[in-house]
C-alpha cells in the first residue's frame, strides 16, 4: 500500500510532528555555542555551513533530517511526513522557528520512491552553479527543481505544497 493510505492515527501524527521538531542543526549549533538563527537565518542543515564552515556538520545534520523524513513516512505515510515537515518548520522545541524541511522532503522520497532522490543531485549541481546568484533567483530555481519529484510521484505533492508555503511565506512575505 502506498504511504498516503497508511494509518492516520492522531497519536502517530503527533509523534511525527514531535520527531520533525527535533532540530539537529539547532542542537549542533547550541553545542557549538552559536545562535544559528542570528548567524544564518533559520535552523536548517545548510545553515550549519554558513554559520560554522563545518562540512561534516552539514552532512551529519542533513542526513539526520533525511532520516526523520523517512521515519515519519514509514510510520504514517504522506500524512506522517507532512506532520513531520510542519514540526521541522515550526518546532515545538525551538520556539516554533525551524528550518526549510527540504531534507525531510527528500527523506520521504527516499522511503516512498528511492529513484526520485536522484532529483536531489540535480538540485546540488544547480546550487553549486548558482552560488553567486541572488538569493531570490536561487529560491525560484530550487522550487522548480523540488517540484519534479512531486510531479513524477503525486502522493508527495502535498509535501511539495508545504515546501512552497515555507519558501513563499518566510522568504517573500515575512
N, C-alpha and C. Protein backbone atom coordinates (compact mmCIF):
# COMPACT_ATOMS: atom_id res chain seq x y z
N UNK A 1 0.85 -1.18 0.00
CA UNK A 1 0.00 0.00 0.00
C UNK A 1 0.89 1.24 0.00
N UNK A 2 0.52 2.23 -0.78
CA UNK A 2 1.26 3.50 -0.83
C UNK A 2 1.17 4.17 0.52
N UNK A 3 2.20 4.93 0.86
CA UNK A 3 2.29 5.56 2.16
C UNK A 3 1.15 6.47 2.52
N UNK A 4 0.51 7.10 1.53
CA UNK A 4 -0.58 8.02 1.81
C UNK A 4 -1.79 7.32 2.40
N UNK A 5 -1.91 6.02 2.21
CA UNK A 5 -3.05 5.29 2.70
C UNK A 5 -2.83 4.63 4.04
N UNK A 6 -1.69 4.88 4.66
CA UNK A 6 -1.40 4.25 5.95
C UNK A 6 -2.23 4.89 7.06
N UNK A 7 -2.03 4.39 8.24
CA UNK A 7 -2.76 4.80 9.43
C UNK A 7 -2.71 6.31 9.65
N UNK A 8 -3.89 6.93 9.77
CA UNK A 8 -3.97 8.36 10.04
C UNK A 8 -4.26 8.60 11.52
N UNK A 9 -3.77 7.74 12.37
CA UNK A 9 -3.94 7.82 13.80
C UNK A 9 -3.40 9.15 14.31
N UNK A 10 -4.23 9.94 15.01
CA UNK A 10 -3.77 11.24 15.51
C UNK A 10 -2.53 11.14 16.41
N UNK A 11 -2.44 10.07 17.20
CA UNK A 11 -1.26 9.90 18.06
C UNK A 11 0.00 9.72 17.22
N UNK A 12 -0.10 8.97 16.12
CA UNK A 12 1.05 8.79 15.23
C UNK A 12 1.43 10.10 14.54
N UNK A 13 0.43 10.87 14.16
CA UNK A 13 0.70 12.16 13.52
C UNK A 13 1.37 13.12 14.51
N UNK A 14 0.93 13.09 15.76
CA UNK A 14 1.58 13.91 16.78
C UNK A 14 3.02 13.45 16.99
N UNK A 15 3.23 12.15 17.01
CA UNK A 15 4.59 11.61 17.14
C UNK A 15 5.46 12.09 15.98
N UNK A 16 4.92 12.06 14.77
CA UNK A 16 5.67 12.53 13.60
C UNK A 16 5.99 14.01 13.71
N UNK A 17 5.03 14.80 14.20
CA UNK A 17 5.29 16.23 14.42
C UNK A 17 6.44 16.41 15.41
N UNK A 18 6.42 15.64 16.50
CA UNK A 18 7.47 15.76 17.51
C UNK A 18 8.83 15.30 16.96
N UNK A 19 8.82 14.26 16.16
CA UNK A 19 10.07 13.82 15.52
C UNK A 19 10.59 14.93 14.62
N UNK A 20 9.70 15.53 13.84
CA UNK A 20 10.10 16.64 12.98
C UNK A 20 10.61 17.84 13.76
N UNK A 21 10.11 18.02 14.97
CA UNK A 21 10.52 19.15 15.81
C UNK A 21 11.93 19.02 16.37
N UNK A 22 12.51 17.85 16.29
CA UNK A 22 13.89 17.68 16.74
C UNK A 22 14.79 18.32 15.70
N UNK A 23 15.38 19.43 16.05
CA UNK A 23 16.23 20.17 15.10
C UNK A 23 17.69 19.80 15.33
N UNK A 24 18.20 18.93 14.49
CA UNK A 24 19.61 18.54 14.62
C UNK A 24 20.54 19.73 14.37
N UNK A 25 20.25 20.60 13.39
CA UNK A 25 21.09 21.79 13.24
C UNK A 25 21.02 22.70 14.48
N UNK A 26 19.83 22.81 15.07
CA UNK A 26 19.68 23.62 16.28
C UNK A 26 20.48 23.05 17.44
N UNK A 27 20.44 21.74 17.60
CA UNK A 27 21.19 21.07 18.66
C UNK A 27 22.69 21.22 18.42
N UNK A 28 23.12 20.99 17.18
CA UNK A 28 24.53 21.12 16.81
C UNK A 28 25.04 22.54 17.10
N UNK A 29 24.25 23.53 16.70
CA UNK A 29 24.65 24.92 16.91
C UNK A 29 24.73 25.25 18.40
N UNK A 30 23.76 24.76 19.18
CA UNK A 30 23.81 25.01 20.62
C UNK A 30 25.06 24.39 21.24
N UNK A 31 25.43 23.19 20.76
CA UNK A 31 26.63 22.53 21.28
C UNK A 31 27.88 23.35 20.94
N UNK A 32 27.83 24.08 19.83
CA UNK A 32 28.96 24.92 19.42
C UNK A 32 28.87 26.33 19.98
N UNK A 33 27.80 26.61 20.75
CA UNK A 33 27.63 27.94 21.34
C UNK A 33 27.24 29.01 20.33
N UNK A 34 26.53 28.62 19.29
CA UNK A 34 26.15 29.53 18.21
C UNK A 34 24.64 29.69 18.16
N UNK A 35 24.17 30.91 17.93
CA UNK A 35 22.75 31.15 17.67
C UNK A 35 22.57 31.08 16.15
N UNK A 36 22.13 29.94 15.68
CA UNK A 36 22.06 29.68 14.25
C UNK A 36 21.08 30.62 13.54
N UNK A 37 20.00 30.97 14.21
CA UNK A 37 19.02 31.87 13.58
C UNK A 37 19.62 33.25 13.32
N UNK A 38 20.43 33.73 14.26
CA UNK A 38 21.05 35.05 14.07
C UNK A 38 22.15 35.01 13.02
N UNK A 39 22.89 33.93 12.96
CA UNK A 39 24.01 33.83 12.01
C UNK A 39 23.58 33.48 10.60
N UNK A 40 22.55 32.61 10.48
CA UNK A 40 22.20 32.10 9.15
C UNK A 40 20.72 32.25 8.79
N UNK A 41 19.91 32.70 9.72
CA UNK A 41 18.51 32.95 9.39
C UNK A 41 17.51 31.88 9.79
N UNK A 42 17.91 30.61 9.79
CA UNK A 42 16.98 29.55 10.17
C UNK A 42 17.76 28.31 10.61
N UNK A 43 17.02 27.35 11.14
CA UNK A 43 17.63 26.13 11.68
C UNK A 43 17.67 25.02 10.63
N UNK A 44 18.37 25.25 9.55
CA UNK A 44 18.49 24.24 8.51
C UNK A 44 19.90 23.68 8.47
N UNK A 45 20.03 22.50 7.88
CA UNK A 45 21.35 21.87 7.78
C UNK A 45 22.33 22.76 7.01
N UNK A 46 21.88 23.39 5.93
CA UNK A 46 22.79 24.24 5.16
C UNK A 46 23.25 25.45 5.98
N UNK A 47 22.45 25.85 6.94
CA UNK A 47 22.83 26.98 7.80
C UNK A 47 24.06 26.67 8.64
N UNK A 48 24.27 25.39 8.93
CA UNK A 48 25.45 25.00 9.70
C UNK A 48 26.72 25.43 8.97
N UNK A 49 26.74 25.23 7.66
CA UNK A 49 27.93 25.62 6.90
C UNK A 49 28.14 27.13 6.94
N UNK A 50 27.05 27.89 6.73
CA UNK A 50 27.17 29.35 6.73
C UNK A 50 27.59 29.89 8.09
N UNK A 51 27.17 29.22 9.15
CA UNK A 51 27.48 29.71 10.50
C UNK A 51 28.81 29.19 11.04
N UNK A 52 29.21 27.98 10.63
CA UNK A 52 30.40 27.38 11.23
C UNK A 52 31.47 26.99 10.22
N UNK A 53 31.09 26.84 8.96
CA UNK A 53 32.03 26.37 7.95
C UNK A 53 32.26 24.87 8.01
N UNK A 54 31.53 24.18 8.84
CA UNK A 54 31.72 22.74 9.03
C UNK A 54 30.97 21.94 7.98
N UNK A 55 31.71 21.33 7.07
CA UNK A 55 31.09 20.46 6.06
C UNK A 55 30.56 19.18 6.72
N UNK A 56 31.31 18.67 7.68
CA UNK A 56 30.87 17.48 8.40
C UNK A 56 29.55 17.74 9.13
N UNK A 57 29.43 18.91 9.75
CA UNK A 57 28.20 19.28 10.44
C UNK A 57 27.01 19.33 9.51
N UNK A 58 27.21 19.87 8.31
CA UNK A 58 26.14 19.94 7.32
C UNK A 58 25.70 18.53 6.92
N UNK A 59 26.67 17.68 6.60
CA UNK A 59 26.35 16.31 6.17
C UNK A 59 25.65 15.55 7.29
N UNK A 60 26.19 15.65 8.50
CA UNK A 60 25.61 14.94 9.63
C UNK A 60 24.17 15.40 9.90
N UNK A 61 23.96 16.71 9.99
CA UNK A 61 22.62 17.24 10.26
C UNK A 61 21.67 16.94 9.11
N UNK A 62 22.16 17.08 7.88
CA UNK A 62 21.33 16.79 6.71
C UNK A 62 20.88 15.34 6.67
N UNK A 63 21.80 14.43 6.93
CA UNK A 63 21.44 13.00 6.93
C UNK A 63 20.46 12.66 8.05
N UNK A 64 20.63 13.27 9.20
CA UNK A 64 19.69 13.03 10.30
C UNK A 64 18.30 13.57 9.94
N UNK A 65 18.26 14.71 9.25
CA UNK A 65 16.97 15.26 8.82
C UNK A 65 16.33 14.38 7.74
N UNK A 66 17.14 13.84 6.84
CA UNK A 66 16.63 12.90 5.84
C UNK A 66 16.03 11.69 6.56
N UNK A 67 16.74 11.20 7.56
CA UNK A 67 16.25 10.05 8.34
C UNK A 67 14.90 10.38 8.99
N UNK A 68 14.77 11.59 9.52
CA UNK A 68 13.48 11.99 10.12
C UNK A 68 12.35 11.89 9.10
N UNK A 69 12.60 12.36 7.88
CA UNK A 69 11.57 12.28 6.84
C UNK A 69 11.20 10.86 6.51
N UNK A 70 12.20 9.99 6.41
CA UNK A 70 11.94 8.58 6.12
C UNK A 70 11.16 7.91 7.24
N UNK A 71 11.55 8.17 8.47
CA UNK A 71 10.88 7.57 9.62
C UNK A 71 9.41 8.02 9.67
N UNK A 72 9.17 9.30 9.49
CA UNK A 72 7.79 9.80 9.53
C UNK A 72 6.94 9.15 8.44
N UNK A 73 7.52 9.00 7.25
CA UNK A 73 6.79 8.36 6.16
C UNK A 73 6.50 6.90 6.48
N UNK A 74 7.47 6.20 7.01
CA UNK A 74 7.28 4.78 7.33
C UNK A 74 6.27 4.59 8.47
N UNK A 75 6.20 5.56 9.38
CA UNK A 75 5.24 5.47 10.49
C UNK A 75 3.81 5.73 10.05
N UNK A 76 3.61 6.77 9.21
CA UNK A 76 2.24 7.19 8.92
C UNK A 76 2.04 7.70 7.50
N UNK A 77 2.88 7.29 6.57
CA UNK A 77 2.69 7.67 5.18
C UNK A 77 2.88 9.15 4.92
N UNK A 78 2.25 9.62 3.86
CA UNK A 78 2.38 11.02 3.46
C UNK A 78 1.90 11.95 4.56
N UNK A 79 0.83 11.58 5.24
CA UNK A 79 0.32 12.42 6.33
C UNK A 79 1.36 12.53 7.45
N UNK A 80 2.06 11.44 7.74
CA UNK A 80 3.11 11.47 8.76
C UNK A 80 4.26 12.36 8.34
N UNK A 81 4.63 12.28 7.06
CA UNK A 81 5.69 13.15 6.55
C UNK A 81 5.27 14.62 6.62
N UNK A 82 4.02 14.88 6.28
CA UNK A 82 3.52 16.25 6.36
C UNK A 82 3.59 16.77 7.80
N UNK A 83 3.17 15.94 8.75
CA UNK A 83 3.23 16.34 10.16
C UNK A 83 4.68 16.57 10.58
N UNK A 84 5.57 15.70 10.15
CA UNK A 84 6.99 15.87 10.47
C UNK A 84 7.57 17.13 9.87
N UNK A 85 7.19 17.43 8.63
CA UNK A 85 7.70 18.64 7.98
C UNK A 85 7.19 19.90 8.68
N UNK A 86 5.93 19.88 9.10
CA UNK A 86 5.39 21.01 9.86
C UNK A 86 6.17 21.15 11.17
N UNK A 87 6.47 20.03 11.81
CA UNK A 87 7.29 20.07 13.03
C UNK A 87 8.68 20.62 12.77
N UNK A 88 9.25 20.28 11.62
CA UNK A 88 10.58 20.78 11.27
C UNK A 88 10.56 22.29 11.03
N UNK A 89 9.51 22.77 10.38
CA UNK A 89 9.39 24.20 10.09
C UNK A 89 9.00 24.98 11.34
N UNK A 90 8.10 24.42 12.13
CA UNK A 90 7.61 25.06 13.36
C UNK A 90 7.86 24.14 14.55
N UNK A 91 9.14 23.97 14.96
CA UNK A 91 9.47 23.00 16.01
C UNK A 91 9.08 23.49 17.41
N UNK A 92 8.33 22.66 18.09
CA UNK A 92 7.89 22.99 19.45
C UNK A 92 9.11 23.16 20.38
N UNK A 93 10.20 22.47 20.11
CA UNK A 93 11.37 22.52 20.97
C UNK A 93 12.27 23.74 20.70
N UNK A 94 11.98 24.48 19.63
CA UNK A 94 12.81 25.64 19.25
C UNK A 94 11.95 26.86 18.95
N UNK A 95 10.96 27.10 19.83
CA UNK A 95 10.11 28.28 19.74
C UNK A 95 9.42 28.44 18.40
N UNK A 96 9.10 27.34 17.76
CA UNK A 96 8.35 27.32 16.50
C UNK A 96 9.06 28.05 15.35
N UNK A 97 10.40 28.11 15.41
CA UNK A 97 11.20 28.72 14.34
C UNK A 97 12.24 27.70 13.91
N UNK A 98 11.97 27.02 12.79
CA UNK A 98 12.85 25.94 12.38
C UNK A 98 13.48 26.13 11.03
N UNK A 99 13.61 25.03 10.32
CA UNK A 99 14.28 25.02 9.02
C UNK A 99 13.29 24.94 7.87
N UNK A 100 13.82 24.67 6.69
CA UNK A 100 13.02 24.64 5.47
C UNK A 100 12.31 23.31 5.23
N UNK A 101 12.76 22.24 5.83
CA UNK A 101 12.19 20.89 5.69
C UNK A 101 12.54 20.23 4.36
N UNK A 102 13.52 20.75 3.65
CA UNK A 102 13.91 20.16 2.37
C UNK A 102 14.50 18.78 2.58
N UNK A 103 15.36 18.62 3.57
CA UNK A 103 15.95 17.30 3.83
C UNK A 103 14.88 16.29 4.21
N UNK A 104 13.88 16.73 4.95
CA UNK A 104 12.78 15.83 5.31
C UNK A 104 11.99 15.42 4.07
N UNK A 105 11.81 16.36 3.15
CA UNK A 105 11.13 16.07 1.89
C UNK A 105 11.88 14.98 1.13
N UNK A 106 13.20 15.12 1.06
CA UNK A 106 13.99 14.11 0.37
C UNK A 106 14.03 12.80 1.15
N UNK A 107 13.94 12.85 2.46
CA UNK A 107 13.84 11.63 3.26
C UNK A 107 12.56 10.88 2.97
N UNK A 108 11.48 11.61 2.77
CA UNK A 108 10.21 10.99 2.40
C UNK A 108 10.34 10.34 1.03
N UNK A 109 10.95 11.05 0.09
CA UNK A 109 11.14 10.48 -1.25
C UNK A 109 11.97 9.20 -1.18
N UNK A 110 12.99 9.22 -0.33
CA UNK A 110 13.84 8.04 -0.19
C UNK A 110 13.03 6.84 0.27
N UNK A 111 12.14 7.06 1.22
CA UNK A 111 11.33 5.95 1.74
C UNK A 111 10.20 5.57 0.78
N UNK A 112 9.63 6.55 0.10
CA UNK A 112 8.47 6.30 -0.76
C UNK A 112 8.85 5.80 -2.15
N UNK A 113 9.88 6.38 -2.72
CA UNK A 113 10.27 6.04 -4.08
C UNK A 113 11.73 6.46 -4.28
N UNK A 114 12.67 5.63 -3.90
CA UNK A 114 14.09 5.99 -3.89
C UNK A 114 14.63 6.53 -5.22
N UNK A 115 14.03 6.14 -6.34
CA UNK A 115 14.52 6.62 -7.63
C UNK A 115 14.40 8.15 -7.75
N UNK A 116 13.43 8.73 -7.07
CA UNK A 116 13.21 10.17 -7.18
C UNK A 116 14.25 11.00 -6.44
N UNK A 117 15.00 10.37 -5.55
CA UNK A 117 16.02 11.10 -4.81
C UNK A 117 17.11 11.62 -5.74
N UNK A 118 17.26 10.99 -6.89
CA UNK A 118 18.28 11.45 -7.85
C UNK A 118 18.03 12.90 -8.26
N UNK A 119 16.80 13.36 -8.15
CA UNK A 119 16.50 14.76 -8.45
C UNK A 119 17.27 15.67 -7.49
N UNK A 120 17.52 15.18 -6.28
CA UNK A 120 18.30 15.96 -5.32
C UNK A 120 19.70 16.24 -5.81
N UNK A 121 20.25 15.33 -6.58
CA UNK A 121 21.58 15.55 -7.16
C UNK A 121 21.54 16.69 -8.17
N UNK A 122 20.44 16.78 -8.92
CA UNK A 122 20.27 17.90 -9.85
C UNK A 122 20.25 19.22 -9.07
N UNK A 123 19.55 19.21 -7.96
CA UNK A 123 19.48 20.41 -7.12
C UNK A 123 20.87 20.80 -6.62
N UNK A 124 21.65 19.82 -6.22
CA UNK A 124 23.00 20.10 -5.73
C UNK A 124 23.85 20.73 -6.82
N UNK A 125 23.76 20.22 -8.03
CA UNK A 125 24.50 20.80 -9.15
C UNK A 125 24.05 22.24 -9.40
N UNK A 126 22.74 22.46 -9.38
CA UNK A 126 22.22 23.83 -9.57
C UNK A 126 22.76 24.74 -8.47
N UNK A 127 22.73 24.27 -7.24
CA UNK A 127 23.24 25.07 -6.13
C UNK A 127 24.70 25.46 -6.36
N UNK A 128 25.51 24.50 -6.75
CA UNK A 128 26.94 24.78 -6.97
C UNK A 128 27.16 25.74 -8.13
N UNK A 129 26.34 25.62 -9.16
CA UNK A 129 26.47 26.51 -10.31
C UNK A 129 25.97 27.93 -10.04
N UNK A 130 25.01 28.04 -9.15
CA UNK A 130 24.36 29.34 -8.92
C UNK A 130 24.72 29.99 -7.59
N UNK A 131 25.80 29.55 -6.97
CA UNK A 131 26.16 30.11 -5.66
C UNK A 131 26.23 31.62 -5.68
N UNK A 132 26.65 32.19 -6.79
CA UNK A 132 26.86 33.64 -6.84
C UNK A 132 25.64 34.40 -7.33
N UNK A 133 24.55 33.71 -7.60
CA UNK A 133 23.31 34.38 -8.00
C UNK A 133 22.62 34.94 -6.77
N UNK A 134 21.65 35.79 -7.01
CA UNK A 134 20.91 36.37 -5.89
C UNK A 134 20.12 35.28 -5.19
N UNK A 135 19.82 35.52 -3.94
CA UNK A 135 19.06 34.54 -3.15
C UNK A 135 17.69 34.29 -3.77
N UNK A 136 17.05 35.33 -4.26
CA UNK A 136 15.73 35.17 -4.86
C UNK A 136 15.79 34.30 -6.11
N UNK A 137 16.82 34.48 -6.94
CA UNK A 137 16.97 33.65 -8.14
C UNK A 137 17.18 32.19 -7.76
N UNK A 138 18.00 31.96 -6.76
CA UNK A 138 18.24 30.57 -6.33
C UNK A 138 16.96 29.94 -5.79
N UNK A 139 16.20 30.69 -5.00
CA UNK A 139 14.98 30.15 -4.40
C UNK A 139 13.98 29.73 -5.48
N UNK A 140 13.81 30.56 -6.50
CA UNK A 140 12.86 30.23 -7.57
C UNK A 140 13.31 28.96 -8.29
N UNK A 141 14.59 28.86 -8.61
CA UNK A 141 15.09 27.65 -9.28
C UNK A 141 14.96 26.42 -8.40
N UNK A 142 15.26 26.55 -7.12
CA UNK A 142 15.14 25.42 -6.21
C UNK A 142 13.69 24.93 -6.15
N UNK A 143 12.75 25.86 -6.08
CA UNK A 143 11.35 25.47 -6.01
C UNK A 143 10.93 24.71 -7.27
N UNK A 144 11.45 25.12 -8.41
CA UNK A 144 11.15 24.40 -9.66
C UNK A 144 11.72 22.99 -9.63
N UNK A 145 12.97 22.85 -9.20
CA UNK A 145 13.60 21.53 -9.15
C UNK A 145 12.90 20.64 -8.13
N UNK A 146 12.52 21.21 -7.01
CA UNK A 146 11.86 20.41 -5.97
C UNK A 146 10.46 19.97 -6.37
N UNK A 147 9.88 20.61 -7.36
CA UNK A 147 8.55 20.22 -7.84
C UNK A 147 8.61 18.93 -8.66
N UNK A 148 9.74 18.65 -9.27
CA UNK A 148 9.84 17.49 -10.16
C UNK A 148 9.45 16.17 -9.51
N UNK A 149 9.97 15.84 -8.32
CA UNK A 149 9.58 14.56 -7.72
C UNK A 149 8.07 14.48 -7.45
N UNK A 150 7.50 15.61 -7.02
CA UNK A 150 6.07 15.62 -6.73
C UNK A 150 5.24 15.44 -8.00
N UNK A 151 5.73 15.97 -9.10
CA UNK A 151 5.02 15.79 -10.36
C UNK A 151 5.15 14.35 -10.86
N UNK A 152 6.28 13.73 -10.59
CA UNK A 152 6.51 12.35 -11.02
C UNK A 152 5.88 11.32 -10.08
N UNK A 153 5.65 11.71 -8.83
CA UNK A 153 5.09 10.81 -7.82
C UNK A 153 4.05 11.60 -7.02
N UNK A 154 2.83 11.75 -7.57
CA UNK A 154 1.80 12.61 -6.98
C UNK A 154 1.49 12.42 -5.49
N UNK A 155 1.68 11.24 -4.89
CA UNK A 155 1.40 11.15 -3.45
C UNK A 155 2.20 12.13 -2.60
N UNK A 156 3.35 12.62 -3.10
CA UNK A 156 4.12 13.58 -2.30
C UNK A 156 3.83 15.02 -2.68
N UNK A 157 2.87 15.24 -3.56
CA UNK A 157 2.52 16.60 -3.97
C UNK A 157 2.15 17.50 -2.78
N UNK A 158 1.37 16.99 -1.80
CA UNK A 158 1.07 17.85 -0.64
C UNK A 158 2.35 18.29 0.11
N UNK A 159 3.36 17.45 0.10
CA UNK A 159 4.61 17.79 0.78
C UNK A 159 5.33 18.91 0.04
N UNK A 160 5.27 18.88 -1.28
CA UNK A 160 5.84 19.98 -2.05
C UNK A 160 5.07 21.27 -1.73
N UNK A 161 3.77 21.14 -1.54
CA UNK A 161 2.97 22.31 -1.15
C UNK A 161 3.45 22.92 0.15
N UNK A 162 3.86 22.08 1.09
CA UNK A 162 4.40 22.59 2.36
C UNK A 162 5.71 23.33 2.11
N UNK A 163 6.58 22.77 1.26
CA UNK A 163 7.83 23.46 0.93
C UNK A 163 7.56 24.80 0.26
N UNK A 164 6.61 24.80 -0.65
CA UNK A 164 6.26 26.02 -1.36
C UNK A 164 5.76 27.07 -0.38
N UNK A 165 4.87 26.67 0.52
CA UNK A 165 4.37 27.59 1.55
C UNK A 165 5.53 28.14 2.37
N UNK A 166 6.41 27.26 2.82
CA UNK A 166 7.53 27.67 3.67
C UNK A 166 8.40 28.71 2.96
N UNK A 167 8.71 28.47 1.71
CA UNK A 167 9.58 29.38 0.98
C UNK A 167 8.88 30.71 0.67
N UNK A 168 7.65 30.65 0.25
CA UNK A 168 6.93 31.89 -0.09
C UNK A 168 6.71 32.71 1.17
N UNK A 169 6.22 32.07 2.21
CA UNK A 169 5.90 32.81 3.44
C UNK A 169 7.15 33.42 4.07
N UNK A 170 8.17 32.60 4.30
CA UNK A 170 9.33 33.08 5.04
C UNK A 170 10.29 33.90 4.20
N UNK A 171 10.36 33.64 2.90
CA UNK A 171 11.31 34.39 2.10
C UNK A 171 10.67 35.65 1.50
N UNK A 172 9.47 35.50 0.96
CA UNK A 172 8.90 36.61 0.25
C UNK A 172 7.92 37.46 1.08
N UNK A 173 7.27 36.88 2.08
CA UNK A 173 6.24 37.62 2.81
C UNK A 173 6.65 38.06 4.21
N UNK A 174 7.63 37.41 4.78
CA UNK A 174 7.99 37.74 6.17
C UNK A 174 9.10 38.75 6.22
